[in-house]
Amino acid sequence: MSSSVNLAYDFPVLGAFWAIMWFFLWIMWFVLLFRVVFDIFRDDDLSGWAKTGWLLFTIVLPFLGVFVYVIARGKDMGKREQRHAQAKEEQTQRYIRETVAGAGTSEADELAKLSEIRARGDITDDEYRRAKEKVLH
């Protein structure tokens, strides 16, 4: 009488689960590796030699290099990421303000147009005064 032993891994659902888990762990590893490399280049506190040393360490011994970097300098990685994101946001806001200001008309142009409209008699003095207040505020 021969009985076969079924292992838990022999079930296709569990095999698919393990394959997907290893795939996502591998993806997470590459994300962490690239974040560390970007953080090395982003850090202004490190000298050129220190950046070279950390980069070589993470390339030659990637698992050990990344884990040592995260332990030694991981506390400030989030702060540097936040500063970078805030700088990008400020740059975007500044660009938007400059673009909008460049596309719009100045207060003097608006007042000149209002004066022309009032001189033609298209609006009353009271309407002109209210529109002038809107332009100046």
C-alpha atoms as a PDB file:
ATOM      1  CA  MET A   1       0.000   0.000   0.000  1.00  0.00           C
ATOM      2  CA  SER A   2       1.530   3.189  -1.110  1.00  0.00           C
ATOM      3  CA  SER A   3       0.352   6.486   0.279  1.00  0.00           C
ATOM      4  CA  SER A   4       1.605   9.764  -1.030  1.00  0.00           C
ATOM      5  CA  VAL A   5       2.254  12.666   1.260  1.00  0.00           C
ATOM      6  CA  ASN A   6       0.887  15.984   0.113  1.00  0.00           C
ATOM      7  CA  LEU A   7       2.831  18.992   1.228  1.00  0.00           C
ATOM      8  CA  ALA A   8       1.139  22.346   1.719  1.00  0.00           C
ATOM      9  CA  TYR A   9       3.239  23.755  -1.104  1.00  0.00           C
ATOM     10  CA  ASP A  10       1.758  21.250  -3.537  1.00  0.00           C
ATOM     11  CA  PHE A  11      -1.516  23.142  -3.557  1.00  0.00           C
ATOM     12  CA  PRO A  12      -1.609  25.653  -6.458  1.00  0.00           C
ATOM     13  CA  VAL A  13      -3.200  28.456  -4.433  1.00  0.00           C
ATOM     14  CA  LEU A  14      -0.414  28.385  -1.856  1.00  0.00           C
ATOM     15  CA  GLY A  15       2.199  28.224  -4.610  1.00  0.00           C
ATOM     16  CA  ALA A  16       0.666  31.301  -6.248  1.00  0.00           C
ATOM     17  CA  PHE A  17       0.585  33.066  -2.878  1.00  0.00           C
ATOM     18  CA  TRP A  18       4.291  32.419  -2.293  1.00  0.00           C
ATOM     19  CA  ALA A  19       5.203  33.506  -5.821  1.00  0.00           C
ATOM     20  CA  ILE A  20       3.266  36.748  -5.457  1.00  0.00           C
ATOM     21  CA  MET A  21       4.731  37.385  -2.007  1.00  0.00           C
ATOM     22  CA  TRP A  22       8.309  36.942  -3.257  1.00  0.00           C
ATOM     23  CA  PHE A  23       7.561  39.119  -6.269  1.00  0.00           C
ATOM     24  CA  PHE A  24       6.289  41.979  -4.098  1.00  0.00           C
ATOM     25  CA  LEU A  25       9.190  41.595  -1.665  1.00  0.00           C
ATOM     26  CA  TRP A  26      11.575  41.829  -4.600  1.00  0.00           C
ATOM     27  CA  ILE A  27       9.822  44.985  -5.849  1.00  0.00           C
ATOM     28  CA  MET A  28       9.938  46.496  -2.334  1.00  0.00           C
ATOM     29  CA  TRP A  29      13.661  45.736  -2.186  1.00  0.00           C
ATOM     30  CA  PHE A  30      14.308  47.642  -5.417  1.00  0.00           C
ATOM     31  CA  VAL A  31      12.199  50.579  -4.227  1.00  0.00           C
ATOM     32  CA  LEU A  32      14.241  50.720  -1.004  1.00  0.00           C
ATOM     33  CA  LEU A  33      17.504  50.439  -2.943  1.00  0.00           C
ATOM     34  CA  PHE A  34      16.603  53.330  -5.249  1.00  0.00           C
ATOM     35  CA  ARG A  35      15.344  55.473  -2.365  1.00  0.00           C
ATOM     36  CA  VAL A  36      18.659  54.979  -0.585  1.00  0.00           C
ATOM     37  CA  VAL A  37      20.637  55.851  -3.726  1.00  0.00           C
ATOM     38  CA  PHE A  38      18.525  58.976  -4.324  1.00  0.00           C
ATOM     39  CA  ASP A  39      18.899  59.948  -0.667  1.00  0.00           C
ATOM     40  CA  ILE A  40      22.683  59.629  -0.920  1.00  0.00           C
ATOM     41  CA  PHE A  41      22.755  62.103  -3.802  1.00  0.00           C
ATOM     42  CA  ARG A  42      20.139  64.406  -2.239  1.00  0.00           C
ATOM     43  CA  ASP A  43      21.936  64.796   1.112  1.00  0.00           C
ATOM     44  CA  ASP A  44      23.835  68.097   1.238  1.00  0.00           C
ATOM     45  CA  ASP A  45      25.454  67.213   4.568  1.00  0.00           C
ATOM     46  CA  LEU A  46      27.579  64.442   3.025  1.00  0.00           C
ATOM     47  CA  SER A  47      30.855  65.297   1.331  1.00  0.00           C
ATOM     48  CA  GLY A  48      31.696  63.934  -2.090  1.00  0.00           C
ATOM     49  CA  TRP A  49      33.913  61.227  -0.592  1.00  0.00           C
ATOM     50  CA  ALA A  50      31.211  60.156   1.850  1.00  0.00           C
ATOM     51  CA  LYS A  51      28.664  59.948  -0.987  1.00  0.00           C
ATOM     52  CA  THR A  52      31.119  57.874  -3.016  1.00  0.00           C
ATOM     53  CA  GLY A  53      31.745  55.557  -0.063  1.00  0.00           C
ATOM     54  CA  TRP A  54      28.066  54.992   0.645  1.00  0.00           C
ATOM     55  CA  LEU A  55      27.318  54.492  -3.044  1.00  0.00           C
ATOM     56  CA  LEU A  56      30.106  51.933  -3.448  1.00  0.00           C
ATOM     57  CA  PHE A  57      28.966  50.174  -0.285  1.00  0.00           C
ATOM     58  CA  THR A  58      25.396  49.902  -1.583  1.00  0.00           C
ATOM     59  CA  ILE A  59      26.530  48.733  -5.032  1.00  0.00           C
ATOM     60  CA  VAL A  60      29.183  46.206  -3.954  1.00  0.00           C
ATOM     61  CA  LEU A  61      27.232  44.774  -1.006  1.00  0.00           C
ATOM     62  CA  PRO A  62      23.666  45.862  -1.752  1.00  0.00           C
ATOM     63  CA  PHE A  63      21.790  44.089   1.047  1.00  0.00           C
ATOM     64  CA  LEU A  64      24.288  44.941   3.747  1.00  0.00           C
ATOM     65  CA  GLY A  65      24.916  48.442   2.375  1.00  0.00           C
ATOM     66  CA  VAL A  66      21.244  49.368   2.254  1.00  0.00           C
ATOM     67  CA  PHE A  67      20.507  47.969   5.690  1.00  0.00           C
ATOM     68  CA  VAL A  68      23.512  49.710   7.267  1.00  0.00           C
ATOM     69  CA  TYR A  69      22.553  52.986   5.530  1.00  0.00           C
ATOM     70  CA  VAL A  70      18.957  52.754   6.754  1.00  0.00           C
ATOM     71  CA  ILE A  71      20.142  52.028  10.294  1.00  0.00           C
ATOM     72  CA  ALA A  72      22.825  54.751  10.302  1.00  0.00           C
ATOM     73  CA  ARG A  73      21.084  57.521   8.338  1.00  0.00           C
ATOM     74  CA  GLY A  74      17.475  56.375   7.953  1.00  0.00           C
ATOM     75  CA  LYS A  75      16.142  58.725  10.610  1.00  0.00           C
ATOM     76  CA  ASP A  76      16.820  61.760   8.435  1.00  0.00           C
ATOM     77  CA  MET A  77      15.746  60.201   5.131  1.00  0.00           C
ATOM     78  CA  GLY A  78      12.126  61.236   5.709  1.00  0.00           C
ATOM     79  CA  LYS A  79      13.134  64.781   6.624  1.00  0.00           C
ATOM     80  CA  ARG A  80      15.179  65.134   3.451  1.00  0.00           C
ATOM     81  CA  GLU A  81      12.291  63.726   1.422  1.00  0.00           C
ATOM     82  CA  GLN A  82       9.894  66.245   3.014  1.00  0.00           C
ATOM     83  CA  ARG A  83      12.252  69.162   2.331  1.00  0.00           C
ATOM     84  CA  HIS A  84      12.589  68.047  -1.267  1.00  0.00           C
ATOM     85  CA  ALA A  85       8.799  67.751  -1.669  1.00  0.00           C
ATOM     86  CA  GLN A  86       8.251  71.172  -0.070  1.00  0.00           C
ATOM     87  CA  ALA A  87      10.850  72.745  -2.357  1.00  0.00           C
ATOM     88  CA  LYS A  88       9.157  71.201  -5.401  1.00  0.00           C
ATOM     89  CA  GLU A  89       5.750  72.438  -4.178  1.00  0.00           C
ATOM     90  CA  GLU A  90       7.079  75.974  -3.629  1.00  0.00           C
ATOM     91  CA  GLN A  91       8.673  75.938  -7.064  1.00  0.00           C
ATOM     92  CA  THR A  92       5.389  74.823  -8.629  1.00  0.00           C
ATOM     93  CA  GLN A  93       3.400  77.480  -6.746  1.00  0.00           C
ATOM     94  CA  ARG A  94       5.907  80.175  -7.735  1.00  0.00           C
ATOM     95  CA  TYR A  95       5.671  79.115 -11.385  1.00  0.00           C
ATOM     96  CA  ILE A  96       1.862  79.199 -11.250  1.00  0.00           C
ATOM     97  CA  ARG A  97       1.847  82.669  -9.652  1.00  0.00           C
ATOM     98  CA  GLU A  98       4.317  84.015 -12.220  1.00  0.00           C
ATOM     99  CA  THR A  99       2.355  82.529 -15.102  1.00  0.00           C
ATOM    100  CA  VAL A 100      -0.961  83.886 -13.865  1.00  0.00           C
ATOM    101  CA  ALA A 101       0.511  87.313 -13.135  1.00  0.00           C
ATOM    102  CA  GLY A 102       2.099  87.449 -16.580  1.00  0.00           C
ATOM    103  CA  ALA A 103      -1.112  86.469 -18.336  1.00  0.00           C
ATOM    104  CA  GLY A 104      -3.377  88.856 -16.450  1.00  0.00           C
ATOM    105  CA  THR A 105      -3.798  92.568 -16.872  1.00  0.00           C
ATOM    106  CA  SER A 106      -2.532  95.113 -14.397  1.00  0.00           C
ATOM    107  CA  GLU A 107      -4.718  97.284 -12.194  1.00  0.00           C
ATOM    108  CA  ALA A 108      -3.844 100.319 -14.275  1.00  0.00           C
ATOM    109  CA  ASP A 109      -5.119  98.609 -17.444  1.00  0.00           C
ATOM    110  CA  GLU A 110      -8.341  97.596 -15.681  1.00  0.00           C
ATOM    111  CA  LEU A 111      -8.909 101.156 -14.412  1.00  0.00           C
ATOM    112  CA  ALA A 112      -8.212 102.592 -17.859  1.00  0.00           C
ATOM    113  CA  LYS A 113     -10.825 100.277 -19.388  1.00  0.00           C
ATOM    114  CA  LEU A 114     -13.332 101.250 -16.702  1.00  0.00           C
ATOM    115  CA  SER A 115     -12.704 104.935 -17.391  1.00  0.00           C
ATOM    116  CA  GLU A 116     -13.304 104.425 -21.099  1.00  0.00           C
ATOM    117  CA  ILE A 117     -16.546 102.559 -20.412  1.00  0.00           C
ATOM    118  CA  ARG A 118     -17.726 105.340 -18.083  1.00  0.00           C
ATOM    119  CA  ALA A 119     -16.698 108.035 -20.583  1.00  0.00           C
ATOM    120  CA  ARG A 120     -18.800 106.343 -23.257  1.00  0.00           C
ATOM    121  CA  GLY A 121     -21.730 106.333 -20.858  1.00  0.00           C
ATOM    122  CA  ASP A 122     -22.109 102.553 -20.705  1.00  0.00           C
ATOM    123  CA  ILE A 123     -21.957 102.531 -16.889  1.00  0.00           C
ATOM    124  CA  THR A 124     -23.020 105.013 -14.263  1.00  0.00           C
ATOM    125  CA  ASP A 125     -20.702 106.745 -11.798  1.00  0.00           C
ATOM    126  CA  ASP A 126     -21.939 104.459  -9.021  1.00  0.00           C
ATOM    127  CA  GLU A 127     -21.210 101.320 -11.092  1.00  0.00           C
ATOM    128  CA  TYR A 128     -17.782 102.737 -11.952  1.00  0.00           C
ATOM    129  CA  ARG A 129     -17.031 103.332  -8.261  1.00  0.00           C
ATOM    130  CA  ARG A 130     -18.020  99.759  -7.303  1.00  0.00           C
ATOM    131  CA  ALA A 131     -16.002  98.232 -10.151  1.00  0.00           C
ATOM    132  CA  LYS A 132     -13.020 100.396  -9.207  1.00  0.00           C
ATOM    133  CA  GLU A 133     -13.202  99.139  -5.617  1.00  0.00           C
ATOM    134  CA  LYS A 134     -13.216  95.523  -6.860  1.00  0.00           C
ATOM    135  CA  VAL A 135     -10.147  96.162  -9.024  1.00  0.00           C
ATOM    136  CA  LEU A 136      -8.212  97.858  -6.220  1.00  0.00           C
ATOM    137  CA  HIS A 137      -9.019  95.196  -3.612  1.00  0.00           C
END
